[in-house]
């Protein structure tokens, strides 16, 4: 078994912000900023959780979950997050896309240790 698992979330409805990106070469301070943004987001009112993965081809997908659109807007407008977004456009991303969706239904599965 692994310690990695999807985010534990409340029953819908809630919102998902899907950030899909291809990184540029080199770190350029990305790892430190990413860690800081994850911690900062987790402290924001309305933040529910996050799932993130990066494929061998360099495509990364991060899905953050939020209670409501107001919480998403507050995070988008957070001063430190705004600075990081600017650095992303300048240094870290070759391309990215952002999608916001309302989650109406959700279900999951966790294998027990006996299975």
PDB file of N, CA and C in Angstrom:
ATOM      1  N   UNK A   1       0.844  -1.188   0.000  1.00  0.00           N
ATOM      2  CA  UNK A   1       0.000   0.000   0.000  1.00  0.00           C
ATOM      3  C   UNK A   1       0.883   1.242   0.000  1.00  0.00           C
ATOM      4  N   UNK A   2       0.323   2.316  -0.468  1.00  0.00           N
ATOM      5  CA  UNK A   2       1.041   3.576  -0.543  1.00  0.00           C
ATOM      6  C   UNK A   2       0.347   4.625   0.314  1.00  0.00           C
ATOM      7  N   UNK A   3       1.087   5.636   0.721  1.00  0.00           N
ATOM      8  CA  UNK A   3       0.509   6.734   1.486  1.00  0.00           C
ATOM      9  C   UNK A   3      -0.157   7.756   0.576  1.00  0.00           C
ATOM     10  N   UNK A   4       0.000   7.614  -0.717  1.00  0.00           N
ATOM     11  CA  UNK A   4      -0.592   8.548  -1.670  1.00  0.00           C
ATOM     12  C   UNK A   4      -2.057   8.191  -1.861  1.00  0.00           C
ATOM     13  N   UNK A   5      -2.928   9.194  -1.772  1.00  0.00           N
ATOM     14  CA  UNK A   5      -4.362   8.967  -1.950  1.00  0.00           C
ATOM     15  C   UNK A   5      -5.002  10.246  -2.469  1.00  0.00           C
ATOM     16  N   UNK A   6      -6.126  10.121  -3.143  1.00  0.00           N
ATOM     17  CA  UNK A   6      -6.846  11.323  -3.566  1.00  0.00           C
ATOM     18  C   UNK A   6      -7.246  12.164  -2.357  1.00  0.00           C
ATOM     19  N   UNK A   7      -7.439  13.455  -2.589  1.00  0.00           N
ATOM     20  CA  UNK A   7      -7.853  14.358  -1.517  1.00  0.00           C
ATOM     21  C   UNK A   7      -9.152  13.873  -0.890  1.00  0.00           C
ATOM     22  N   UNK A   8      -9.234  13.980   0.419  1.00  0.00           N
ATOM     23  CA  UNK A   8     -10.454  13.649   1.149  1.00  0.00           C
ATOM     24  C   UNK A   8     -11.331  14.896   1.159  1.00  0.00           C
ATOM     25  N   UNK A   9     -12.514  14.793   0.576  1.00  0.00           N
ATOM     26  CA  UNK A   9     -13.351  15.969   0.361  1.00  0.00           C
ATOM     27  C   UNK A   9     -14.733  15.777   0.962  1.00  0.00           C
ATOM     28  N   UNK A  10     -15.419  16.890   1.247  1.00  0.00           N
ATOM     29  CA  UNK A  10     -16.793  16.782   1.736  1.00  0.00           C
ATOM     30  C   UNK A  10     -17.734  16.393   0.594  1.00  0.00           C
ATOM     31  N   UNK A  11     -18.968  16.138   0.927  1.00  0.00           N
ATOM     32  CA  UNK A  11     -19.970  15.851  -0.096  1.00  0.00           C
ATOM     33  C   UNK A  11     -20.168  17.093  -0.972  1.00  0.00           C
ATOM     34  N   UNK A  12     -20.387  16.900  -2.271  1.00  0.00           N
ATOM     35  CA  UNK A  12     -20.663  18.034  -3.160  1.00  0.00           C
ATOM     36  C   UNK A  12     -21.956  18.742  -2.731  1.00  0.00           C
ATOM     37  N   UNK A  13     -22.144  19.954  -3.202  1.00  0.00           N
ATOM     38  CA  UNK A  13     -21.372  20.612  -4.250  1.00  0.00           C
ATOM     39  C   UNK A  13     -20.161  21.356  -3.694  1.00  0.00           C
ATOM     40  N   UNK A  14     -19.145  21.465  -4.531  1.00  0.00           N
ATOM     41  CA  UNK A  14     -17.963  22.284  -4.300  1.00  0.00           C
ATOM     42  C   UNK A  14     -17.368  22.560  -5.671  1.00  0.00           C
ATOM     43  N   UNK A  15     -16.277  23.276  -5.715  1.00  0.00           N
ATOM     44  CA  UNK A  15     -15.673  23.666  -6.989  1.00  0.00           C
ATOM     45  C   UNK A  15     -14.287  23.055  -7.146  1.00  0.00           C
ATOM     46  N   UNK A  16     -13.940  22.753  -8.387  1.00  0.00           N
ATOM     47  CA  UNK A  16     -12.615  22.239  -8.732  1.00  0.00           C
ATOM     48  C   UNK A  16     -11.949  23.223  -9.683  1.00  0.00           C
ATOM     49  N   UNK A  17     -10.717  23.589  -9.375  1.00  0.00           N
ATOM     50  CA  UNK A  17      -9.900  24.412 -10.264  1.00  0.00           C
ATOM     51  C   UNK A  17      -8.833  23.484 -10.835  1.00  0.00           C
ATOM     52  N   UNK A  18      -8.892  23.255 -12.133  1.00  0.00           N
ATOM     53  CA  UNK A  18      -7.997  22.315 -12.813  1.00  0.00           C
ATOM     54  C   UNK A  18      -6.928  23.122 -13.536  1.00  0.00           C
ATOM     55  N   UNK A  19      -5.682  22.981 -13.092  1.00  0.00           N
ATOM     56  CA  UNK A  19      -4.545  23.687 -13.683  1.00  0.00           C
ATOM     57  C   UNK A  19      -3.673  22.652 -14.378  1.00  0.00           C
ATOM     58  N   UNK A  20      -3.587  22.747 -15.689  1.00  0.00           N
ATOM     59  CA  UNK A  20      -2.803  21.818 -16.500  1.00  0.00           C
ATOM     60  C   UNK A  20      -1.654  22.606 -17.112  1.00  0.00           C
ATOM     61  N   UNK A  21      -0.416  22.097 -16.982  1.00  0.00           N
ATOM     62  CA  UNK A  21       0.728  22.879 -17.441  1.00  0.00           C
ATOM     63  C   UNK A  21       1.869  22.008 -17.932  1.00  0.00           C
ATOM     64  N   UNK A  22       2.644  22.587 -18.832  1.00  0.00           N
ATOM     65  CA  UNK A  22       3.913  22.014 -19.278  1.00  0.00           C
ATOM     66  C   UNK A  22       4.995  22.967 -18.793  1.00  0.00           C
ATOM     67  N   UNK A  23       5.956  22.435 -18.051  1.00  0.00           N
ATOM     68  CA  UNK A  23       7.033  23.241 -17.481  1.00  0.00           C
ATOM     69  C   UNK A  23       8.106  23.557 -18.512  1.00  0.00           C
ATOM     70  N   UNK A  24       8.828  24.647 -18.268  1.00  0.00           N
ATOM     71  CA  UNK A  24      10.031  24.962 -19.018  1.00  0.00           C
ATOM     72  C   UNK A  24      11.185  24.166 -18.411  1.00  0.00           C
ATOM     73  N   UNK A  25      12.335  24.197 -19.050  1.00  0.00           N
ATOM     74  CA  UNK A  25      13.516  23.491 -18.538  1.00  0.00           C
ATOM     75  C   UNK A  25      14.050  24.204 -17.298  1.00  0.00           C
ATOM     76  N   UNK A  26      14.610  23.442 -16.383  1.00  0.00           N
ATOM     77  CA  UNK A  26      15.238  24.010 -15.191  1.00  0.00           C
ATOM     78  C   UNK A  26      14.228  24.316 -14.105  1.00  0.00           C
ATOM     79  N   UNK A  27      14.705  24.411 -12.881  1.00  0.00           N
ATOM     80  CA  UNK A  27      13.829  24.668 -11.743  1.00  0.00           C
ATOM     81  C   UNK A  27      13.493  26.148 -11.611  1.00  0.00           C
ATOM     82  N   UNK A  28      14.503  27.004 -11.708  1.00  0.00           N
ATOM     83  CA  UNK A  28      14.315  28.461 -11.633  1.00  0.00           C
ATOM     84  C   UNK A  28      13.505  28.906 -10.417  1.00  0.00           C
ATOM     85  N   UNK A  29      13.678  28.204  -9.292  1.00  0.00           N
ATOM     86  CA  UNK A  29      12.961  28.549  -8.069  1.00  0.00           C
ATOM     87  C   UNK A  29      11.559  27.981  -7.974  1.00  0.00           C
ATOM     88  N   UNK A  30      11.187  27.132  -8.930  1.00  0.00           N
ATOM     89  CA  UNK A  30       9.820  26.598  -8.979  1.00  0.00           C
ATOM     90  C   UNK A  30       9.485  25.733  -7.767  1.00  0.00           C
ATOM     91  N   UNK A  31      10.349  24.806  -7.413  1.00  0.00           N
ATOM     92  CA  UNK A  31      10.043  23.859  -6.333  1.00  0.00           C
ATOM     93  C   UNK A  31       9.729  24.590  -5.034  1.00  0.00           C
ATOM     94  N   UNK A  32      10.532  25.576  -4.699  1.00  0.00           N
ATOM     95  CA  UNK A  32      10.315  26.344  -3.475  1.00  0.00           C
ATOM     96  C   UNK A  32       8.998  27.118  -3.545  1.00  0.00           C
ATOM     97  N   UNK A  33       8.746  27.760  -4.674  1.00  0.00           N
ATOM     98  CA  UNK A  33       7.511  28.533  -4.829  1.00  0.00           C
ATOM     99  C   UNK A  33       6.286  27.626  -4.809  1.00  0.00           C
ATOM    100  N   UNK A  34       6.383  26.468  -5.443  1.00  0.00           N
ATOM    101  CA  UNK A  34       5.269  25.520  -5.467  1.00  0.00           C
ATOM    102  C   UNK A  34       4.929  25.061  -4.052  1.00  0.00           C
ATOM    103  N   UNK A  35       5.938  24.725  -3.288  1.00  0.00           N
ATOM    104  CA  UNK A  35       5.719  24.305  -1.902  1.00  0.00           C
ATOM    105  C   UNK A  35       5.058  25.426  -1.099  1.00  0.00           C
ATOM    106  N   UNK A  36       5.531  26.645  -1.292  1.00  0.00           N
ATOM    107  CA  UNK A  36       4.966  27.798  -0.585  1.00  0.00           C
ATOM    108  C   UNK A  36       3.503  28.013  -0.980  1.00  0.00           C
ATOM    109  N   UNK A  37       3.200  27.929  -2.271  1.00  0.00           N
ATOM    110  CA  UNK A  37       1.828  28.146  -2.734  1.00  0.00           C
ATOM    111  C   UNK A  37       0.892  27.064  -2.210  1.00  0.00           C
ATOM    112  N   UNK A  38       1.362  25.822  -2.154  1.00  0.00           N
ATOM    113  CA  UNK A  38       0.526  24.738  -1.624  1.00  0.00           C
ATOM    114  C   UNK A  38       0.180  24.994  -0.156  1.00  0.00           C
ATOM    115  N   UNK A  39       1.169  25.407   0.628  1.00  0.00           N
ATOM    116  CA  UNK A  39       0.928  25.694   2.041  1.00  0.00           C
ATOM    117  C   UNK A  39       0.015  26.902   2.201  1.00  0.00           C
ATOM    118  N   UNK A  40       0.257  27.934   1.406  1.00  0.00           N
ATOM    119  CA  UNK A  40      -0.541  29.152   1.485  1.00  0.00           C
ATOM    120  C   UNK A  40      -1.989  28.879   1.075  1.00  0.00           C
ATOM    121  N   UNK A  41      -2.187  28.127   0.004  1.00  0.00           N
ATOM    122  CA  UNK A  41      -3.548  27.791  -0.442  1.00  0.00           C
ATOM    123  C   UNK A  41      -4.291  27.027   0.645  1.00  0.00           C
ATOM    124  N   UNK A  42      -3.603  26.079   1.268  1.00  0.00           N
ATOM    125  CA  UNK A  42      -4.236  25.255   2.305  1.00  0.00           C
ATOM    126  C   UNK A  42      -4.723  26.089   3.485  1.00  0.00           C
ATOM    127  N   UNK A  43      -4.128  27.255   3.692  1.00  0.00           N
ATOM    128  CA  UNK A  43      -4.522  28.137   4.792  1.00  0.00           C
ATOM    129  C   UNK A  43      -5.664  29.080   4.425  1.00  0.00           C
ATOM    130  N   UNK A  44      -6.094  29.075   3.172  1.00  0.00           N
ATOM    131  CA  UNK A  44      -7.129  30.007   2.728  1.00  0.00           C
ATOM    132  C   UNK A  44      -8.520  29.519   3.121  1.00  0.00           C
ATOM    133  N   UNK A  45      -9.385  30.448   3.545  1.00  0.00           N
ATOM    134  CA  UNK A  45     -10.773  30.063   3.816  1.00  0.00           C
ATOM    135  C   UNK A  45     -11.402  29.458   2.561  1.00  0.00           C
ATOM    136  N   UNK A  46     -12.093  28.358   2.732  1.00  0.00           N
ATOM    137  CA  UNK A  46     -12.771  27.720   1.613  1.00  0.00           C
ATOM    138  C   UNK A  46     -11.960  26.673   0.887  1.00  0.00           C
ATOM    139  N   UNK A  47     -10.663  26.546   1.189  1.00  0.00           N
ATOM    140  CA  UNK A  47      -9.835  25.515   0.559  1.00  0.00           C
ATOM    141  C   UNK A  47     -10.230  24.159   1.133  1.00  0.00           C
ATOM    142  N   UNK A  48     -10.442  23.173   0.240  1.00  0.00           N
ATOM    143  CA  UNK A  48     -10.869  21.844   0.680  1.00  0.00           C
ATOM    144  C   UNK A  48      -9.818  20.765   0.492  1.00  0.00           C
ATOM    145  N   UNK A  49      -8.924  20.924  -0.492  1.00  0.00           N
ATOM    146  CA  UNK A  49      -7.912  19.909  -0.754  1.00  0.00           C
ATOM    147  C   UNK A  49      -7.302  20.087  -2.120  1.00  0.00           C
ATOM    148  N   UNK A  50      -6.341  19.201  -2.432  1.00  0.00           N
ATOM    149  CA  UNK A  50      -5.648  19.293  -3.719  1.00  0.00           C
ATOM    150  C   UNK A  50      -5.162  17.908  -4.129  1.00  0.00           C
ATOM    151  N   UNK A  51      -5.190  17.658  -5.427  1.00  0.00           N
ATOM    152  CA  UNK A  51      -4.584  16.479  -6.044  1.00  0.00           C
ATOM    153  C   UNK A  51      -3.648  16.991  -7.126  1.00  0.00           C
ATOM    154  N   UNK A  52      -2.467  16.380  -7.262  1.00  0.00           N
ATOM    155  CA  UNK A  52      -1.505  16.857  -8.250  1.00  0.00           C
ATOM    156  C   UNK A  52      -0.656  15.701  -8.755  1.00  0.00           C
ATOM    157  N   UNK A  53      -0.364  15.725 -10.050  1.00  0.00           N
ATOM    158  CA  UNK A  53       0.482  14.689 -10.654  1.00  0.00           C
ATOM    159  C   UNK A  53       1.190  15.270 -11.870  1.00  0.00           C
ATOM    160  N   UNK A  54       2.362  14.703 -12.181  1.00  0.00           N
ATOM    161  CA  UNK A  54       3.107  15.103 -13.376  1.00  0.00           C
ATOM    162  C   UNK A  54       3.540  13.833 -14.090  1.00  0.00           C
ATOM    163  N   UNK A  55       3.254  13.772 -15.384  1.00  0.00           N
ATOM    164  CA  UNK A  55       3.609  12.614 -16.187  1.00  0.00           C
ATOM    165  C   UNK A  55       5.043  12.671 -16.671  1.00  0.00           C
ATOM    166  N   UNK A  56       5.537  11.554 -17.150  1.00  0.00           N
ATOM    167  CA  UNK A  56       6.899  11.472 -17.682  1.00  0.00           C
ATOM    168  C   UNK A  56       7.088  12.400 -18.880  1.00  0.00           C
ATOM    169  N   UNK A  57       6.005  12.735 -19.559  1.00  0.00           N
ATOM    170  CA  UNK A  57       6.083  13.629 -20.716  1.00  0.00           C
ATOM    171  C   UNK A  57       6.144  15.098 -20.319  1.00  0.00           C
ATOM    172  N   UNK A  58       6.106  15.390 -19.008  1.00  0.00           N
ATOM    173  CA  UNK A  58       6.213  16.758 -18.526  1.00  0.00           C
ATOM    174  C   UNK A  58       4.891  17.452 -18.279  1.00  0.00           C
ATOM    175  N   UNK A  59       3.787  16.843 -18.685  1.00  0.00           N
ATOM    176  CA  UNK A  59       2.475  17.446 -18.460  1.00  0.00           C
ATOM    177  C   UNK A  59       2.072  17.257 -17.004  1.00  0.00           C
ATOM    178  N   UNK A  60       1.750  18.344 -16.338  1.00  0.00           N
ATOM    179  CA  UNK A  60       1.316  18.286 -14.949  1.00  0.00           C
ATOM    180  C   UNK A  60      -0.126  18.733 -14.821  1.00  0.00           C
ATOM    181  N   UNK A  61      -0.840  18.119 -13.885  1.00  0.00           N
ATOM    182  CA  UNK A  61      -2.222  18.489 -13.609  1.00  0.00           C
ATOM    183  C   UNK A  61      -2.371  18.653 -12.101  1.00  0.00           C
ATOM    184  N   UNK A  62      -2.843  19.809 -11.689  1.00  0.00           N
ATOM    185  CA  UNK A  62      -3.149  20.061 -10.288  1.00  0.00           C
ATOM    186  C   UNK A  62      -4.610  20.465 -10.207  1.00  0.00           C
ATOM    187  N   UNK A  63      -5.343  19.774  -9.353  1.00  0.00           N
ATOM    188  CA  UNK A  63      -6.750  20.097  -9.134  1.00  0.00           C
ATOM    189  C   UNK A  63      -6.891  20.541  -7.685  1.00  0.00           C
ATOM    190  N   UNK A  64      -7.266  21.801  -7.491  1.00  0.00           N
ATOM    191  CA  UNK A  64      -7.551  22.280  -6.142  1.00  0.00           C
ATOM    192  C   UNK A  64      -9.062  22.373  -5.987  1.00  0.00           C
ATOM    193  N   UNK A  65      -9.525  22.099  -4.777  1.00  0.00           N
ATOM    194  CA  UNK A  65     -10.958  22.036  -4.504  1.00  0.00           C
ATOM    195  C   UNK A  65     -11.323  23.137  -3.516  1.00  0.00           C
ATOM    196  N   UNK A  66     -12.447  23.809  -3.797  1.00  0.00           N
ATOM    197  CA  UNK A  66     -12.850  24.986  -3.035  1.00  0.00           C
ATOM    198  C   UNK A  66     -14.334  24.930  -2.701  1.00  0.00           C
ATOM    199  N   UNK A  67     -14.696  25.518  -1.593  1.00  0.00           N
ATOM    200  CA  UNK A  67     -16.077  25.533  -1.118  1.00  0.00           C
ATOM    201  C   UNK A  67     -16.995  26.298  -2.072  1.00  0.00           C
ATOM    202  N   UNK A  68     -16.513  27.445  -2.599  1.00  0.00           N
ATOM    203  CA  UNK A  68     -17.377  28.292  -3.421  1.00  0.00           C
ATOM    204  C   UNK A  68     -16.530  29.178  -4.330  1.00  0.00           C
ATOM    205  N   UNK A  69     -17.201  29.871  -5.230  1.00  0.00           N
ATOM    206  CA  UNK A  69     -16.495  30.729  -6.178  1.00  0.00           C
ATOM    207  C   UNK A  69     -15.830  31.918  -5.499  1.00  0.00           C
ATOM    208  N   UNK A  70     -16.399  32.387  -4.392  1.00  0.00           N
ATOM    209  CA  UNK A  70     -15.793  33.494  -3.658  1.00  0.00           C
ATOM    210  C   UNK A  70     -14.428  33.094  -3.104  1.00  0.00           C
ATOM    211  N   UNK A  71     -14.309  31.864  -2.633  1.00  0.00           N
ATOM    212  CA  UNK A  71     -13.023  31.368  -2.121  1.00  0.00           C
ATOM    213  C   UNK A  71     -11.987  31.289  -3.239  1.00  0.00           C
ATOM    214  N   UNK A  72     -12.420  30.858  -4.417  1.00  0.00           N
ATOM    215  CA  UNK A  72     -11.517  30.800  -5.577  1.00  0.00           C
ATOM    216  C   UNK A  72     -11.052  32.201  -5.942  1.00  0.00           C
ATOM    217  N   UNK A  73     -11.972  33.155  -5.967  1.00  0.00           N
ATOM    218  CA  UNK A  73     -11.625  34.536  -6.317  1.00  0.00           C
ATOM    219  C   UNK A  73     -10.655  35.131  -5.302  1.00  0.00           C
ATOM    220  N   UNK A  74     -10.876  34.845  -4.022  1.00  0.00           N
ATOM    221  CA  UNK A  74      -9.970  35.360  -2.988  1.00  0.00           C
ATOM    222  C   UNK A  74      -8.568  34.795  -3.181  1.00  0.00           C
ATOM    223  N   UNK A  75      -8.451  33.511  -3.525  1.00  0.00           N
ATOM    224  CA  UNK A  75      -7.142  32.904  -3.770  1.00  0.00           C
ATOM    225  C   UNK A  75      -6.496  33.505  -5.015  1.00  0.00           C
ATOM    226  N   UNK A  76      -7.278  33.666  -6.073  1.00  0.00           N
ATOM    227  CA  UNK A  76      -6.758  34.262  -7.306  1.00  0.00           C
ATOM    228  C   UNK A  76      -6.197  35.661  -7.029  1.00  0.00           C
ATOM    229  N   UNK A  77      -6.852  36.410  -6.147  1.00  0.00           N
ATOM    230  CA  UNK A  77      -6.451  37.788  -5.866  1.00  0.00           C
ATOM    231  C   UNK A  77      -5.452  37.919  -4.723  1.00  0.00           C
ATOM    232  N   UNK A  78      -5.070  36.823  -4.097  1.00  0.00           N
ATOM    233  CA  UNK A  78      -4.084  36.862  -3.011  1.00  0.00           C
ATOM    234  C   UNK A  78      -2.767  37.412  -3.563  1.00  0.00           C
ATOM    235  N   UNK A  79      -2.196  38.399  -2.894  1.00  0.00           N
ATOM    236  CA  UNK A  79      -1.023  39.114  -3.416  1.00  0.00           C
ATOM    237  C   UNK A  79       0.157  38.191  -3.718  1.00  0.00           C
ATOM    238  N   UNK A  80       0.491  37.303  -2.815  1.00  0.00           N
ATOM    239  CA  UNK A  80       1.643  36.416  -3.028  1.00  0.00           C
ATOM    240  C   UNK A  80       1.372  35.419  -4.161  1.00  0.00           C
ATOM    241  N   UNK A  81       0.139  34.958  -4.261  1.00  0.00           N
ATOM    242  CA  UNK A  81      -0.238  34.056  -5.351  1.00  0.00           C
ATOM    243  C   UNK A  81      -0.164  34.789  -6.692  1.00  0.00           C
ATOM    244  N   UNK A  82      -0.579  36.048  -6.714  1.00  0.00           N
ATOM    245  CA  UNK A  82      -0.502  36.843  -7.947  1.00  0.00           C
ATOM    246  C   UNK A  82       0.947  36.986  -8.412  1.00  0.00           C
ATOM    247  N   UNK A  83       1.863  37.204  -7.488  1.00  0.00           N
ATOM    248  CA  UNK A  83       3.287  37.291  -7.845  1.00  0.00           C
ATOM    249  C   UNK A  83       3.784  35.969  -8.413  1.00  0.00           C
ATOM    250  N   UNK A  84       3.395  34.868  -7.793  1.00  0.00           N
ATOM    251  CA  UNK A  84       3.811  33.546  -8.281  1.00  0.00           C
ATOM    252  C   UNK A  84       3.238  33.277  -9.671  1.00  0.00           C
ATOM    253  N   UNK A  85       2.000  33.681  -9.916  1.00  0.00           N
ATOM    254  CA  UNK A  85       1.417  33.495 -11.255  1.00  0.00           C
ATOM    255  C   UNK A  85       2.227  34.259 -12.299  1.00  0.00           C
ATOM    256  N   UNK A  86       2.663  35.456 -11.956  1.00  0.00           N
ATOM    257  CA  UNK A  86       3.500  36.232 -12.877  1.00  0.00           C
ATOM    258  C   UNK A  86       4.821  35.547 -13.164  1.00  0.00           C
ATOM    259  N   UNK A  87       5.435  34.983 -12.139  1.00  0.00           N
ATOM    260  CA  UNK A  87       6.689  34.245 -12.340  1.00  0.00           C
ATOM    261  C   UNK A  87       6.457  33.010 -13.198  1.00  0.00           C
ATOM    262  N   UNK A  88       5.299  32.398 -13.043  1.00  0.00           N
ATOM    263  CA  UNK A  88       4.963  31.234 -13.864  1.00  0.00           C
ATOM    264  C   UNK A  88       4.938  31.579 -15.337  1.00  0.00           C
ATOM    265  N   UNK A  89       4.296  32.681 -15.672  1.00  0.00           N
ATOM    266  CA  UNK A  89       4.236  33.118 -17.074  1.00  0.00           C
ATOM    267  C   UNK A  89       5.627  33.492 -17.601  1.00  0.00           C
ATOM    268  N   UNK A  90       6.434  34.106 -16.752  1.00  0.00           N
ATOM    269  CA  UNK A  90       7.764  34.567 -17.177  1.00  0.00           C
ATOM    270  C   UNK A  90       8.793  33.448 -17.253  1.00  0.00           C
ATOM    271  N   UNK A  91       8.738  32.485 -16.316  1.00  0.00           N
ATOM    272  CA  UNK A  91       9.847  31.543 -16.164  1.00  0.00           C
ATOM    273  C   UNK A  91       9.479  30.064 -16.193  1.00  0.00           C
ATOM    274  N   UNK A  92       8.372  29.660 -15.575  1.00  0.00           N
ATOM    275  CA  UNK A  92       8.172  28.253 -15.249  1.00  0.00           C
ATOM    276  C   UNK A  92       7.359  27.454 -16.251  1.00  0.00           C
ATOM    277  N   UNK A  93       6.479  28.108 -16.998  1.00  0.00           N
ATOM    278  CA  UNK A  93       5.561  27.346 -17.856  1.00  0.00           C
ATOM    279  C   UNK A  93       5.768  27.637 -19.330  1.00  0.00           C
ATOM    280  N   UNK A  94       5.844  26.561 -20.116  1.00  0.00           N
ATOM    281  CA  UNK A  94       5.841  26.692 -21.570  1.00  0.00           C
ATOM    282  C   UNK A  94       4.409  26.920 -22.040  1.00  0.00           C
ATOM    283  N   UNK A  95       3.463  26.299 -21.355  1.00  0.00           N
ATOM    284  CA  UNK A  95       2.039  26.503 -21.635  1.00  0.00           C
ATOM    285  C   UNK A  95       1.237  26.052 -20.426  1.00  0.00           C
ATOM    286  N   UNK A  96       0.044  26.606 -20.293  1.00  0.00           N
ATOM    287  CA  UNK A  96      -0.860  26.141 -19.244  1.00  0.00           C
ATOM    288  C   UNK A  96      -2.301  26.449 -19.622  1.00  0.00           C
ATOM    289  N   UNK A  97      -3.210  25.762 -18.960  1.00  0.00           N
ATOM    290  CA  UNK A  97      -4.646  26.012 -19.094  1.00  0.00           C
ATOM    291  C   UNK A  97      -5.269  25.896 -17.711  1.00  0.00           C
ATOM    292  N   UNK A  98      -6.308  26.682 -17.489  1.00  0.00           N
ATOM    293  CA  UNK A  98      -7.004  26.674 -16.209  1.00  0.00           C
ATOM    294  C   UNK A  98      -8.501  26.511 -16.480  1.00  0.00           C
ATOM    295  N   UNK A  99      -9.122  25.608 -15.748  1.00  0.00           N
ATOM    296  CA  UNK A  99     -10.558  25.359 -15.892  1.00  0.00           C
ATOM    297  C   UNK A  99     -11.175  25.332 -14.500  1.00  0.00           C
ATOM    298  N   UNK A 100     -12.338  25.944 -14.362  1.00  0.00           N
ATOM    299  CA  UNK A 100     -13.068  25.934 -13.098  1.00  0.00           C
ATOM    300  C   UNK A 100     -14.395  25.223 -13.337  1.00  0.00           C
ATOM    301  N   UNK A 101     -14.715  24.267 -12.464  1.00  0.00           N
ATOM    302  CA  UNK A 101     -15.945  23.490 -12.624  1.00  0.00           C
ATOM    303  C   UNK A 101     -16.633  23.303 -11.277  1.00  0.00           C
ATOM    304  N   UNK A 102     -17.944  23.266 -11.319  1.00  0.00           N
ATOM    305  CA  UNK A 102     -18.715  22.941 -10.122  1.00  0.00           C
ATOM    306  C   UNK A 102     -18.897  21.428 -10.073  1.00  0.00           C
ATOM    307  N   UNK A 103     -18.515  20.836  -8.960  1.00  0.00           N
ATOM    308  CA  UNK A 103     -18.648  19.390  -8.774  1.00  0.00           C
ATOM    309  C   UNK A 103     -20.027  19.123  -8.171  1.00  0.00           C
ATOM    310  N   UNK A 104     -20.849  18.412  -8.914  1.00  0.00           N
ATOM    311  CA  UNK A 104     -22.205  18.075  -8.469  1.00  0.00           C
ATOM    312  C   UNK A 104     -22.279  16.677  -7.867  1.00  0.00           C
ATOM    313  N   UNK A 105     -21.439  15.780  -8.365  1.00  0.00           N
ATOM    314  CA  UNK A 105     -21.416  14.397  -7.889  1.00  0.00           C
ATOM    315  C   UNK A 105     -19.965  13.963  -7.745  1.00  0.00           C
ATOM    316  N   UNK A 106     -19.713  13.075  -6.790  1.00  0.00           N
ATOM    317  CA  UNK A 106     -18.367  12.525  -6.607  1.00  0.00           C
ATOM    318  C   UNK A 106     -18.482  11.162  -5.935  1.00  0.00           C
ATOM    319  N   UNK A 107     -17.608  10.268  -6.303  1.00  0.00           N
ATOM    320  CA  UNK A 107     -17.533   8.975  -5.626  1.00  0.00           C
ATOM    321  C   UNK A 107     -16.099   8.478  -5.728  1.00  0.00           C
ATOM    322  N   UNK A 108     -15.746   7.527  -4.909  1.00  0.00           N
ATOM    323  CA  UNK A 108     -14.378   7.018  -4.905  1.00  0.00           C
ATOM    324  C   UNK A 108     -14.315   5.614  -4.337  1.00  0.00           C
ATOM    325  N   UNK A 109     -13.105   5.105  -4.252  1.00  0.00           N
ATOM    326  CA  UNK A 109     -12.852   3.753  -3.773  1.00  0.00           C
ATOM    327  C   UNK A 109     -11.490   3.744  -3.107  1.00  0.00           C
ATOM    328  N   UNK A 110     -11.387   3.069  -1.996  1.00  0.00           N
ATOM    329  CA  UNK A 110     -10.104   2.847  -1.338  1.00  0.00           C
ATOM    330  C   UNK A 110      -9.996   1.360  -1.020  1.00  0.00           C
ATOM    331  N   UNK A 111      -8.964   0.728  -1.550  1.00  0.00           N
ATOM    332  CA  UNK A 111      -8.734  -0.695  -1.296  1.00  0.00           C
ATOM    333  C   UNK A 111      -8.299  -0.872   0.153  1.00  0.00           C
ATOM    334  N   UNK A 112      -8.891  -1.832   0.834  1.00  0.00           N
ATOM    335  CA  UNK A 112      -8.497  -2.108   2.213  1.00  0.00           C
ATOM    336  C   UNK A 112      -7.201  -2.916   2.202  1.00  0.00           C
ATOM    337  N   UNK A 113      -6.527  -2.942   3.325  1.00  0.00           N
ATOM    338  CA  UNK A 113      -5.255  -3.665   3.436  1.00  0.00           C
ATOM    339  C   UNK A 113      -5.440  -5.156   3.179  1.00  0.00           C
ATOM    340  N   UNK A 114      -6.629  -5.686   3.409  1.00  0.00           N
ATOM    341  CA  UNK A 114      -6.893  -7.112   3.230  1.00  0.00           C
ATOM    342  C   UNK A 114      -7.116  -7.489   1.771  1.00  0.00           C
ATOM    343  N   UNK A 115      -7.396  -6.542   0.919  1.00  0.00           N
ATOM    344  CA  UNK A 115      -7.724  -6.855  -0.480  1.00  0.00           C
ATOM    345  C   UNK A 115      -6.503  -7.070  -1.314  1.00  0.00           C
TER     346      UNK A 115
END
